Amino acid sequence: MPLQSALATIKGNLLAKPNYQFEKRQKDLAKKSKQEEKRQQKLAKKAADESDPSAETPDATTTGETTPNA
């Protein structure tokens, strides 16, 4: 009987093993969703820039660059 009670106390003190695969998968899913969100924002910004021709694009005169008078 003492052996049986000793095993029972040992089993009762065991902790659950951490599930690293689950944690990694959750981290990867979060990373992918963040990347997808950034990609959607970039596409939306690009589409807005292309559809809005009134938006000024900087040229050489407004950026302070000079052209050589050769």
C-alpha atoms as a PDB file:
ATOM      1  CA  MET A   1       0.000   0.000   0.000  1.00  0.00           C
ATOM      2  CA  PRO A   2       2.734   2.570   0.679  1.00  0.00           C
ATOM      3  CA  LEU A   3       3.991   2.183  -2.877  1.00  0.00           C
ATOM      4  CA  GLN A   4       0.513   2.797  -4.230  1.00  0.00           C
ATOM      5  CA  SER A   5       0.032   5.956  -2.173  1.00  0.00           C
ATOM      6  CA  ALA A   6       3.475   7.206  -3.203  1.00  0.00           C
ATOM      7  CA  LEU A   7       2.559   6.767  -6.876  1.00  0.00           C
ATOM      8  CA  ALA A   8      -0.738   8.550  -6.323  1.00  0.00           C
ATOM      9  CA  THR A   9       1.003  11.581  -4.840  1.00  0.00           C
ATOM     10  CA  ILE A  10       3.534  11.651  -7.666  1.00  0.00           C
ATOM     11  CA  LYS A  11       0.782  11.502 -10.288  1.00  0.00           C
ATOM     12  CA  GLY A  12      -1.150  14.224  -8.507  1.00  0.00           C
ATOM     13  CA  ASN A  13       1.833  16.573  -8.588  1.00  0.00           C
ATOM     14  CA  LEU A  14       2.478  16.298 -12.321  1.00  0.00           C
ATOM     15  CA  LEU A  15       1.883  19.443 -14.316  1.00  0.00           C
ATOM     16  CA  ALA A  16       0.480  19.503 -17.798  1.00  0.00           C
ATOM     17  CA  LYS A  17       3.139  19.761 -20.481  1.00  0.00           C
ATOM     18  CA  PRO A  18       3.048  23.002 -22.436  1.00  0.00           C
ATOM     19  CA  ASN A  19       1.816  22.544 -25.986  1.00  0.00           C
ATOM     20  CA  TYR A  20       4.471  24.403 -27.933  1.00  0.00           C
ATOM     21  CA  GLN A  21       3.003  23.409 -31.289  1.00  0.00           C
ATOM     22  CA  PHE A  22      -0.268  25.121 -30.415  1.00  0.00           C
ATOM     23  CA  GLU A  23       1.548  28.260 -29.257  1.00  0.00           C
ATOM     24  CA  LYS A  24       3.656  28.350 -32.409  1.00  0.00           C
ATOM     25  CA  ARG A  25       0.598  27.885 -34.623  1.00  0.00           C
ATOM     26  CA  GLN A  26      -1.228  30.708 -32.859  1.00  0.00           C
ATOM     27  CA  LYS A  27       1.813  32.962 -33.240  1.00  0.00           C
ATOM     28  CA  ASP A  28       2.119  32.093 -36.937  1.00  0.00           C
ATOM     29  CA  LEU A  29      -1.598  32.726 -37.531  1.00  0.00           C
ATOM     30  CA  ALA A  30      -1.356  36.104 -35.829  1.00  0.00           C
ATOM     31  CA  LYS A  31       1.699  36.982 -37.918  1.00  0.00           C
ATOM     32  CA  LYS A  32      -0.019  35.952 -41.161  1.00  0.00           C
ATOM     33  CA  SER A  33      -3.157  37.913 -40.348  1.00  0.00           C
ATOM     34  CA  LYS A  34      -1.070  40.997 -39.569  1.00  0.00           C
ATOM     35  CA  GLN A  35       0.828  40.630 -42.858  1.00  0.00           C
ATOM     36  CA  GLU A  36      -2.452  40.194 -44.742  1.00  0.00           C
ATOM     37  CA  GLU A  37      -3.864  43.318 -43.087  1.00  0.00           C
ATOM     38  CA  LYS A  38      -0.789  45.313 -44.127  1.00  0.00           C
ATOM     39  CA  ARG A  39      -1.055  43.957 -47.671  1.00  0.00           C
ATOM     40  CA  GLN A  40      -4.723  44.996 -47.874  1.00  0.00           C
ATOM     41  CA  GLN A  41      -3.852  48.487 -46.613  1.00  0.00           C
ATOM     42  CA  LYS A  42      -1.100  48.847 -49.218  1.00  0.00           C
ATOM     43  CA  LEU A  43      -3.432  47.697 -51.996  1.00  0.00           C
ATOM     44  CA  ALA A  44      -6.134  50.116 -50.861  1.00  0.00           C
ATOM     45  CA  LYS A  45      -3.641  52.982 -50.730  1.00  0.00           C
ATOM     46  CA  LYS A  46      -2.267  52.101 -54.161  1.00  0.00           C
ATOM     47  CA  ALA A  47      -5.768  51.888 -55.639  1.00  0.00           C
ATOM     48  CA  ALA A  48      -6.672  55.249 -54.103  1.00  0.00           C
ATOM     49  CA  ASP A  49      -3.516  56.843 -55.520  1.00  0.00           C
ATOM     50  CA  GLU A  50      -4.171  55.455 -59.005  1.00  0.00           C
ATOM     51  CA  SER A  51      -7.832  56.454 -59.057  1.00  0.00           C
ATOM     52  CA  ASP A  52      -7.111  60.006 -57.840  1.00  0.00           C
ATOM     53  CA  PRO A  53      -5.271  61.787 -60.677  1.00  0.00           C
ATOM     54  CA  SER A  54      -5.544  65.160 -58.906  1.00  0.00           C
ATOM     55  CA  ALA A  55      -3.007  64.025 -56.318  1.00  0.00           C
ATOM     56  CA  GLU A  56       0.288  65.742 -56.995  1.00  0.00           C
ATOM     57  CA  THR A  57       3.318  63.663 -57.751  1.00  0.00           C
ATOM     58  CA  PRO A  58       6.601  65.333 -56.864  1.00  0.00           C
ATOM     59  CA  ASP A  59       8.797  66.183 -59.802  1.00  0.00           C
ATOM     60  CA  ALA A  60      12.347  67.488 -60.042  1.00  0.00           C
ATOM     61  CA  THR A  61      11.381  71.127 -59.493  1.00  0.00           C
ATOM     62  CA  THR A  62       9.516  70.546 -56.243  1.00  0.00           C
ATOM     63  CA  THR A  63      12.059  68.201 -54.685  1.00  0.00           C
ATOM     64  CA  GLY A  64      14.894  70.695 -54.958  1.00  0.00           C
ATOM     65  CA  GLU A  65      16.809  68.765 -57.558  1.00  0.00           C
ATOM     66  CA  THR A  66      18.488  70.762 -60.274  1.00  0.00           C
ATOM     67  CA  THR A  67      19.022  69.739 -63.840  1.00  0.00           C
ATOM     68  CA  PRO A  68      22.375  70.515 -65.465  1.00  0.00           C
ATOM     69  CA  ASN A  69      22.298  73.157 -68.211  1.00  0.00           C
ATOM     70  CA  ALA A  70      24.651  71.368 -70.563  1.00  0.00           C
END
